[in-house]
C-alpha cells in the first residue's frame, strides 16, 4: 500500500510540475500580450494627437485645390469666351 501511495505521490508531483510549466507559459504569453497592448496604446495616442493637425492641413489643401480649379476655369473662360 505504501508503494501505491509513493506512486500516486510521484504522479501528483509530475502533474504539479506540468501545471507549473503551463502557468509559466501562460504568464509569459500574458506579459507579451500586455507589452503589445502598451505599444498599441502608444500608437493610438500618437494618432489621436496627429489627427487634428492633419485635418487642418486637409482643409487647407481643399481650399488650395478649389482656388486652382477656379483659376483654370477662369483661364478657359477668358480664352474661349472673351
PDB file of N, CA and C in Angstrom:
ATOM      1  N   UNK A   1       0.827  -1.181   0.000  1.00  0.00           N
ATOM      2  CA  UNK A   1       0.000   0.000   0.000  1.00  0.00           C
ATOM      3  C   UNK A   1       0.874   1.247   0.000  1.00  0.00           C
ATOM      4  N   UNK A   2       2.013   1.190   0.656  1.00  0.00           N
ATOM      5  CA  UNK A   2       2.902   2.352   0.657  1.00  0.00           C
ATOM      6  C   UNK A   2       3.492   2.562  -0.732  1.00  0.00           C
ATOM      7  N   UNK A   3       3.655   1.449  -1.514  1.00  0.00           N
ATOM      8  CA  UNK A   3       4.124   1.593  -2.891  1.00  0.00           C
ATOM      9  C   UNK A   3       3.091   2.355  -3.726  1.00  0.00           C
ATOM     10  N   UNK A   4       1.847   2.061  -3.494  1.00  0.00           N
ATOM     11  CA  UNK A   4       0.794   2.743  -4.227  1.00  0.00           C
ATOM     12  C   UNK A   4       0.780   4.218  -3.860  1.00  0.00           C
ATOM     13  N   UNK A   5       0.964   4.556  -2.598  1.00  0.00           N
ATOM     14  CA  UNK A   5       0.991   5.948  -2.166  1.00  0.00           C
ATOM     15  C   UNK A   5       2.183   6.669  -2.778  1.00  0.00           C
ATOM     16  N   UNK A   6       3.336   6.000  -2.822  1.00  0.00           N
ATOM     17  CA  UNK A   6       4.530   6.604  -3.403  1.00  0.00           C
ATOM     18  C   UNK A   6       4.323   6.841  -4.898  1.00  0.00           C
ATOM     19  N   UNK A   7       3.690   5.880  -5.545  1.00  0.00           N
ATOM     20  CA  UNK A   7       3.412   6.014  -6.972  1.00  0.00           C
ATOM     21  C   UNK A   7       2.446   7.173  -7.225  1.00  0.00           C
ATOM     22  N   UNK A   8       1.438   7.260  -6.379  1.00  0.00           N
ATOM     23  CA  UNK A   8       0.473   8.348  -6.514  1.00  0.00           C
ATOM     24  C   UNK A   8       1.137   9.697  -6.242  1.00  0.00           C
ATOM     25  N   UNK A   9       2.040   9.713  -5.262  1.00  0.00           N
ATOM     26  CA  UNK A   9       2.749  10.953  -4.946  1.00  0.00           C
ATOM     27  C   UNK A   9       3.617  11.392  -6.125  1.00  0.00           C
ATOM     28  N   UNK A  10       4.283  10.435  -6.777  1.00  0.00           N
ATOM     29  CA  UNK A  10       5.103  10.773  -7.943  1.00  0.00           C
ATOM     30  C   UNK A  10       4.238  11.330  -9.070  1.00  0.00           C
ATOM     31  N   UNK A  11       3.094  10.699  -9.289  1.00  0.00           N
ATOM     32  CA  UNK A  11       2.186  11.185 -10.327  1.00  0.00           C
ATOM     33  C   UNK A  11       1.684  12.591 -10.004  1.00  0.00           C
ATOM     34  N   UNK A  12       1.394  12.808  -8.722  1.00  0.00           N
ATOM     35  CA  UNK A  12       0.925  14.119  -8.295  1.00  0.00           C
ATOM     36  C   UNK A  12       2.006  15.180  -8.498  1.00  0.00           C
ATOM     37  N   UNK A  13       3.253  14.828  -8.178  1.00  0.00           N
ATOM     38  CA  UNK A  13       4.368  15.755  -8.378  1.00  0.00           C
ATOM     39  C   UNK A  13       4.537  16.057  -9.862  1.00  0.00           C
ATOM     40  N   UNK A  14       4.427  15.045 -10.700  1.00  0.00           N
ATOM     41  CA  UNK A  14       4.541  15.258 -12.144  1.00  0.00           C
ATOM     42  C   UNK A  14       3.431  16.174 -12.650  1.00  0.00           C
ATOM     43  N   UNK A  15       2.216  15.948 -12.153  1.00  0.00           N
ATOM     44  CA  UNK A  15       1.100  16.796 -12.565  1.00  0.00           C
ATOM     45  C   UNK A  15       1.317  18.239 -12.117  1.00  0.00           C
ATOM     46  N   UNK A  16       1.839  18.410 -10.896  1.00  0.00           N
ATOM     47  CA  UNK A  16       2.106  19.762 -10.401  1.00  0.00           C
ATOM     48  C   UNK A  16       3.201  20.443 -11.216  1.00  0.00           C
ATOM     49  N   UNK A  17       4.223  19.685 -11.608  1.00  0.00           N
ATOM     50  CA  UNK A  17       5.288  20.257 -12.430  1.00  0.00           C
ATOM     51  C   UNK A  17       4.751  20.678 -13.793  1.00  0.00           C
ATOM     52  N   UNK A  18       3.899  19.831 -14.378  1.00  0.00           N
ATOM     53  CA  UNK A  18       3.298  20.188 -15.661  1.00  0.00           C
ATOM     54  C   UNK A  18       2.402  21.418 -15.523  1.00  0.00           C
ATOM     55  N   UNK A  19       1.663  21.477 -14.429  1.00  0.00           N
ATOM     56  CA  UNK A  19       0.803  22.636 -14.193  1.00  0.00           C
ATOM     57  C   UNK A  19       1.645  23.899 -14.034  1.00  0.00           C
ATOM     58  N   UNK A  20       2.778  23.770 -13.339  1.00  0.00           N
ATOM     59  CA  UNK A  20       3.671  24.921 -13.151  1.00  0.00           C
ATOM     60  C   UNK A  20       4.227  25.394 -14.496  1.00  0.00           C
ATOM     61  N   UNK A  21       4.624  24.445 -15.346  1.00  0.00           N
ATOM     62  CA  UNK A  21       5.124  24.813 -16.670  1.00  0.00           C
ATOM     63  C   UNK A  21       4.032  25.494 -17.497  1.00  0.00           C
ATOM     64  N   UNK A  22       2.830  24.972 -17.390  1.00  0.00           N
ATOM     65  CA  UNK A  22       1.709  25.588 -18.105  1.00  0.00           C
ATOM     66  C   UNK A  22       1.434  26.997 -17.621  1.00  0.00           C
ATOM     67  N   UNK A  23       1.485  27.191 -16.307  1.00  0.00           N
ATOM     68  CA  UNK A  23       1.262  28.524 -15.750  1.00  0.00           C
ATOM     69  C   UNK A  23       2.351  29.497 -16.179  1.00  0.00           C
ATOM     70  N   UNK A  24       3.605  29.019 -16.193  1.00  0.00           N
ATOM     71  CA  UNK A  24       4.699  29.888 -16.640  1.00  0.00           C
ATOM     72  C   UNK A  24       4.509  30.280 -18.097  1.00  0.00           C
ATOM     73  N   UNK A  25       4.095  29.323 -18.910  1.00  0.00           N
ATOM     74  CA  UNK A  25       3.859  29.599 -20.323  1.00  0.00           C
ATOM     75  C   UNK A  25       2.737  30.621 -20.490  1.00  0.00           C
ATOM     76  N   UNK A  26       1.659  30.432 -19.744  1.00  0.00           N
ATOM     77  CA  UNK A  26       0.543  31.375 -19.810  1.00  0.00           C
ATOM     78  C   UNK A  26       0.957  32.759 -19.336  1.00  0.00           C
ATOM     79  N   UNK A  27       1.753  32.817 -18.286  1.00  0.00           N
ATOM     80  CA  UNK A  27       2.214  34.101 -17.761  1.00  0.00           C
ATOM     81  C   UNK A  27       3.100  34.813 -18.775  1.00  0.00           C
ATOM     82  N   UNK A  28       3.961  34.060 -19.452  1.00  0.00           N
ATOM     83  CA  UNK A  28       4.796  34.659 -20.498  1.00  0.00           C
ATOM     84  C   UNK A  28       3.926  35.205 -21.631  1.00  0.00           C
ATOM     85  N   UNK A  29       2.918  34.451 -21.995  1.00  0.00           N
ATOM     86  CA  UNK A  29       2.000  34.906 -23.040  1.00  0.00           C
ATOM     87  C   UNK A  29       1.258  36.167 -22.633  1.00  0.00           C
ATOM     88  N   UNK A  30       0.826  36.227 -21.376  1.00  0.00           N
ATOM     89  CA  UNK A  30       0.133  37.417 -20.881  1.00  0.00           C
ATOM     90  C   UNK A  30       1.058  38.625 -20.860  1.00  0.00           C
ATOM     91  N   UNK A  31       2.310  38.415 -20.465  1.00  0.00           N
ATOM     92  CA  UNK A  31       3.266  39.523 -20.456  1.00  0.00           C
ATOM     93  C   UNK A  31       3.502  40.042 -21.865  1.00  0.00           C
ATOM     94  N   UNK A  32       3.619  39.143 -22.823  1.00  0.00           N
ATOM     95  CA  UNK A  32       3.821  39.543 -24.220  1.00  0.00           C
ATOM     96  C   UNK A  32       2.604  40.305 -24.725  1.00  0.00           C
ATOM     97  N   UNK A  33       1.421  39.818 -24.398  1.00  0.00           N
ATOM     98  CA  UNK A  33       0.195  40.497 -24.817  1.00  0.00           C
ATOM     99  C   UNK A  33       0.104  41.881 -24.185  1.00  0.00           C
ATOM    100  N   UNK A  34       0.508  41.995 -22.924  1.00  0.00           N
ATOM    101  CA  UNK A  34       0.490  43.282 -22.237  1.00  0.00           C
ATOM    102  C   UNK A  34       1.433  44.269 -22.914  1.00  0.00           C
ATOM    103  N   UNK A  35       2.624  43.813 -23.289  1.00  0.00           N
ATOM    104  CA  UNK A  35       3.577  44.681 -23.982  1.00  0.00           C
ATOM    105  C   UNK A  35       3.018  45.133 -25.327  1.00  0.00           C
ATOM    106  N   UNK A  36       2.385  44.214 -26.047  1.00  0.00           N
ATOM    107  CA  UNK A  36       1.793  44.564 -27.343  1.00  0.00           C
ATOM    108  C   UNK A  36       0.676  45.588 -27.176  1.00  0.00           C
ATOM    109  N   UNK A  37      -0.127  45.424 -26.133  1.00  0.00           N
ATOM    110  CA  UNK A  37      -1.210  46.377 -25.875  1.00  0.00           C
ATOM    111  C   UNK A  37      -0.638  47.747 -25.547  1.00  0.00           C
ATOM    112  N   UNK A  38       0.440  47.788 -24.767  1.00  0.00           N
ATOM    113  CA  UNK A  38       1.069  49.071 -24.439  1.00  0.00           C
ATOM    114  C   UNK A  38       1.585  49.761 -25.699  1.00  0.00           C
ATOM    115  N   UNK A  39       2.208  48.998 -26.599  1.00  0.00           N
ATOM    116  CA  UNK A  39       2.684  49.580 -27.862  1.00  0.00           C
ATOM    117  C   UNK A  39       1.512  50.119 -28.674  1.00  0.00           C
ATOM    118  N   UNK A  40       0.435  49.351 -28.730  1.00  0.00           N
ATOM    119  CA  UNK A  40      -0.741  49.769 -29.482  1.00  0.00           C
ATOM    120  C   UNK A  40      -1.323  51.047 -28.905  1.00  0.00           C
ATOM    121  N   UNK A  41      -1.372  51.147 -27.582  1.00  0.00           N
ATOM    122  CA  UNK A  41      -1.900  52.358 -26.952  1.00  0.00           C
ATOM    123  C   UNK A  41      -1.029  53.567 -27.261  1.00  0.00           C
ATOM    124  N   UNK A  42       0.289  53.377 -27.305  1.00  0.00           N
ATOM    125  CA  UNK A  42       1.181  54.486 -27.654  1.00  0.00           C
ATOM    126  C   UNK A  42       0.923  54.955 -29.078  1.00  0.00           C
ATOM    127  N   UNK A  43       0.762  53.994 -30.017  1.00  0.00           N
ATOM    128  CA  UNK A  43       0.475  54.354 -31.408  1.00  0.00           C
ATOM    129  C   UNK A  43      -0.872  55.073 -31.518  1.00  0.00           C
ATOM    130  N   UNK A  44      -1.865  54.599 -30.784  1.00  0.00           N
ATOM    131  CA  UNK A  44      -3.174  55.243 -30.819  1.00  0.00           C
ATOM    132  C   UNK A  44      -3.093  56.662 -30.276  1.00  0.00           C
ATOM    133  N   UNK A  45      -2.323  56.849 -29.222  1.00  0.00           N
ATOM    134  CA  UNK A  45      -2.154  58.183 -28.648  1.00  0.00           C
ATOM    135  C   UNK A  45      -1.497  59.119 -29.662  1.00  0.00           C
ATOM    136  N   UNK A  46      -0.482  58.618 -30.377  1.00  0.00           N
ATOM    137  CA  UNK A  46       0.164  59.429 -31.408  1.00  0.00           C
ATOM    138  C   UNK A  46      -0.834  59.798 -32.504  1.00  0.00           C
ATOM    139  N   UNK A  47      -1.640  58.849 -32.922  1.00  0.00           N
ATOM    140  CA  UNK A  47      -2.620  59.097 -33.979  1.00  0.00           C
ATOM    141  C   UNK A  47      -3.642  60.132 -33.528  1.00  0.00           C
ATOM    142  N   UNK A  48      -4.095  60.030 -32.284  1.00  0.00           N
ATOM    143  CA  UNK A  48      -5.076  60.982 -31.766  1.00  0.00           C
ATOM    144  C   UNK A  48      -4.487  62.387 -31.737  1.00  0.00           C
ATOM    145  N   UNK A  49      -3.203  62.517 -31.473  1.00  0.00           N
ATOM    146  CA  UNK A  49      -2.567  63.832 -31.461  1.00  0.00           C
ATOM    147  C   UNK A  49      -2.346  64.359 -32.873  1.00  0.00           C
ATOM    148  N   UNK A  50      -2.123  63.474 -33.836  1.00  0.00           N
ATOM    149  CA  UNK A  50      -1.822  63.894 -35.208  1.00  0.00           C
ATOM    150  C   UNK A  50      -3.087  64.245 -35.995  1.00  0.00           C
ATOM    151  N   UNK A  51      -4.217  63.634 -35.680  1.00  0.00           N
ATOM    152  CA  UNK A  51      -5.444  63.818 -36.464  1.00  0.00           C
ATOM    153  C   UNK A  51      -5.856  65.291 -36.578  1.00  0.00           C
ATOM    154  N   UNK A  52      -5.889  66.086 -35.502  1.00  0.00           N
ATOM    155  CA  UNK A  52      -6.294  67.493 -35.675  1.00  0.00           C
ATOM    156  C   UNK A  52      -5.362  68.272 -36.606  1.00  0.00           C
ATOM    157  N   UNK A  53      -4.067  68.010 -36.531  1.00  0.00           N
ATOM    158  CA  UNK A  53      -3.121  68.696 -37.413  1.00  0.00           C
ATOM    159  C   UNK A  53      -3.382  68.323 -38.864  1.00  0.00           C
ATOM    160  N   UNK A  54      -3.606  67.039 -39.115  1.00  0.00           N
ATOM    161  CA  UNK A  54      -3.861  66.586 -40.473  1.00  0.00           C
ATOM    162  C   UNK A  54      -5.191  67.117 -40.992  1.00  0.00           C
ATOM    163  N   UNK A  55      -6.168  67.277 -40.100  1.00  0.00           N
ATOM    164  CA  UNK A  55      -7.466  67.788 -40.518  1.00  0.00           C
ATOM    165  C   UNK A  55      -7.332  69.220 -41.012  1.00  0.00           C
ATOM    166  N   UNK A  56      -6.571  70.053 -40.296  1.00  0.00           N
ATOM    167  CA  UNK A  56      -6.377  71.432 -40.748  1.00  0.00           C
ATOM    168  C   UNK A  56      -5.588  71.466 -42.053  1.00  0.00           C
ATOM    169  N   UNK A  57      -4.593  70.604 -42.184  1.00  0.00           N
ATOM    170  CA  UNK A  57      -3.830  70.552 -43.436  1.00  0.00           C
ATOM    171  C   UNK A  57      -4.718  70.115 -44.596  1.00  0.00           C
ATOM    172  N   UNK A  58      -5.606  69.168 -44.349  1.00  0.00           N
ATOM    173  CA  UNK A  58      -6.512  68.696 -45.394  1.00  0.00           C
ATOM    174  C   UNK A  58      -7.478  69.803 -45.811  1.00  0.00           C
ATOM    175  N   UNK A  59      -7.977  70.565 -44.849  1.00  0.00           N
ATOM    176  CA  UNK A  59      -8.867  71.677 -45.181  1.00  0.00           C
ATOM    177  C   UNK A  59      -8.130  72.724 -46.011  1.00  0.00           C
ATOM    178  N   UNK A  60      -6.894  73.038 -45.637  1.00  0.00           N
ATOM    179  CA  UNK A  60      -6.102  73.993 -46.414  1.00  0.00           C
ATOM    180  C   UNK A  60      -5.872  73.474 -47.828  1.00  0.00           C
ATOM    181  N   UNK A  61      -5.603  72.186 -47.951  1.00  0.00           N
ATOM    182  CA  UNK A  61      -5.384  71.589 -49.269  1.00  0.00           C
ATOM    183  C   UNK A  61      -6.647  71.675 -50.128  1.00  0.00           C
ATOM    184  N   UNK A  62      -7.815  71.449 -49.525  1.00  0.00           N
ATOM    185  CA  UNK A  62      -9.074  71.563 -50.262  1.00  0.00           C
ATOM    186  C   UNK A  62      -9.269  72.986 -50.775  1.00  0.00           C
ATOM    187  N   UNK A  63      -8.951  73.968 -49.948  1.00  0.00           N
ATOM    188  CA  UNK A  63      -9.082  75.368 -50.360  1.00  0.00           C
ATOM    189  C   UNK A  63      -8.144  75.669 -51.522  1.00  0.00           C
ATOM    190  N   UNK A  64      -6.906  75.209 -51.422  1.00  0.00           N
ATOM    191  CA  UNK A  64      -5.925  75.454 -52.485  1.00  0.00           C
ATOM    192  C   UNK A  64      -6.361  74.797 -53.791  1.00  0.00           C
ATOM    193  N   UNK A  65      -6.846  73.566 -53.714  1.00  0.00           N
ATOM    194  CA  UNK A  65      -7.315  72.876 -54.920  1.00  0.00           C
ATOM    195  C   UNK A  65      -8.505  73.612 -55.522  1.00  0.00           C
ATOM    196  N   UNK A  66      -9.423  74.074 -54.688  1.00  0.00           N
ATOM    197  CA  UNK A  66     -10.574  74.832 -55.185  1.00  0.00           C
ATOM    198  C   UNK A  66     -10.151  76.113 -55.878  1.00  0.00           C
ATOM    199  N   UNK A  67      -9.189  76.824 -55.296  1.00  0.00           N
ATOM    200  CA  UNK A  67      -8.690  78.053 -55.915  1.00  0.00           C
ATOM    201  C   UNK A  67      -8.035  77.742 -57.256  1.00  0.00           C
ATOM    202  N   UNK A  68      -7.252  76.673 -57.318  1.00  0.00           N
ATOM    203  CA  UNK A  68      -6.601  76.301 -58.581  1.00  0.00           C
ATOM    204  C   UNK A  68      -7.619  75.929 -59.655  1.00  0.00           C
ATOM    205  N   UNK A  69      -8.648  75.188 -59.276  1.00  0.00           N
ATOM    206  CA  UNK A  69      -9.688  74.826 -60.242  1.00  0.00           C
ATOM    207  C   UNK A  69     -10.387  76.089 -60.737  1.00  0.00           C
ATOM    208  N   UNK A  70     -10.682  76.996 -59.814  1.00  0.00           N
ATOM    209  CA  UNK A  70     -11.291  78.270 -60.209  1.00  0.00           C
ATOM    210  C   UNK A  70     -10.397  79.059 -61.155  1.00  0.00           C
ATOM    211  N   UNK A  71      -9.103  79.051 -60.903  1.00  0.00           N
ATOM    212  CA  UNK A  71      -8.151  79.750 -61.761  1.00  0.00           C
ATOM    213  C   UNK A  71      -8.141  79.142 -63.160  1.00  0.00           C
ATOM    214  N   UNK A  72      -8.126  77.823 -63.239  1.00  0.00           N
ATOM    215  CA  UNK A  72      -8.128  77.144 -64.541  1.00  0.00           C
ATOM    216  C   UNK A  72      -9.426  77.437 -65.287  1.00  0.00           C
ATOM    217  N   UNK A  73     -10.545  77.377 -64.601  1.00  0.00           N
ATOM    218  CA  UNK A  73     -11.831  77.681 -65.245  1.00  0.00           C
ATOM    219  C   UNK A  73     -11.843  79.125 -65.728  1.00  0.00           C
ATOM    220  N   UNK A  74     -11.301  80.018 -64.911  1.00  0.00           N
ATOM    221  CA  UNK A  74     -11.208  81.424 -65.324  1.00  0.00           C
ATOM    222  C   UNK A  74     -10.358  81.597 -66.566  1.00  0.00           C
ATOM    223  N   UNK A  75      -9.251  80.882 -66.634  1.00  0.00           N
ATOM    224  CA  UNK A  75      -8.407  80.957 -67.830  1.00  0.00           C
ATOM    225  C   UNK A  75      -9.137  80.444 -69.063  1.00  0.00           C
ATOM    226  N   UNK A  76      -9.840  79.330 -68.915  1.00  0.00           N
ATOM    227  CA  UNK A  76     -10.589  78.770 -70.045  1.00  0.00           C
ATOM    228  C   UNK A  76     -11.687  79.725 -70.510  1.00  0.00           C
ATOM    229  N   UNK A  77     -12.406  80.302 -69.561  1.00  0.00           N
ATOM    230  CA  UNK A  77     -13.457  81.260 -69.919  1.00  0.00           C
ATOM    231  C   UNK A  77     -12.834  82.468 -70.611  1.00  0.00           C
ATOM    232  N   UNK A  78     -11.727  82.944 -70.065  1.00  0.00           N
ATOM    233  CA  UNK A  78     -11.062  84.104 -70.661  1.00  0.00           C
ATOM    234  C   UNK A  78     -10.553  83.826 -72.060  1.00  0.00           C
ATOM    235  N   UNK A  79     -10.084  82.645 -72.302  1.00  0.00           N
ATOM    236  CA  UNK A  79      -9.512  82.319 -73.614  1.00  0.00           C
ATOM    237  C   UNK A  79     -10.592  82.069 -74.664  1.00  0.00           C
ATOM    238  N   UNK A  80     -11.630  81.321 -74.313  1.00  0.00           N
ATOM    239  CA  UNK A  80     -12.614  80.920 -75.311  1.00  0.00           C
ATOM    240  C   UNK A  80     -13.793  81.886 -75.438  1.00  0.00           C
ATOM    241  N   UNK A  81     -14.129  82.616 -74.399  1.00  0.00           N
ATOM    242  CA  UNK A  81     -15.325  83.455 -74.461  1.00  0.00           C
ATOM    243  C   UNK A  81     -15.026  84.939 -74.569  1.00  0.00           C
ATOM    244  N   UNK A  82     -13.813  85.342 -74.296  1.00  0.00           N
ATOM    245  CA  UNK A  82     -13.515  86.771 -74.387  1.00  0.00           C
ATOM    246  C   UNK A  82     -12.699  87.113 -75.562  1.00  0.00           C
TER     247      UNK A  82
END
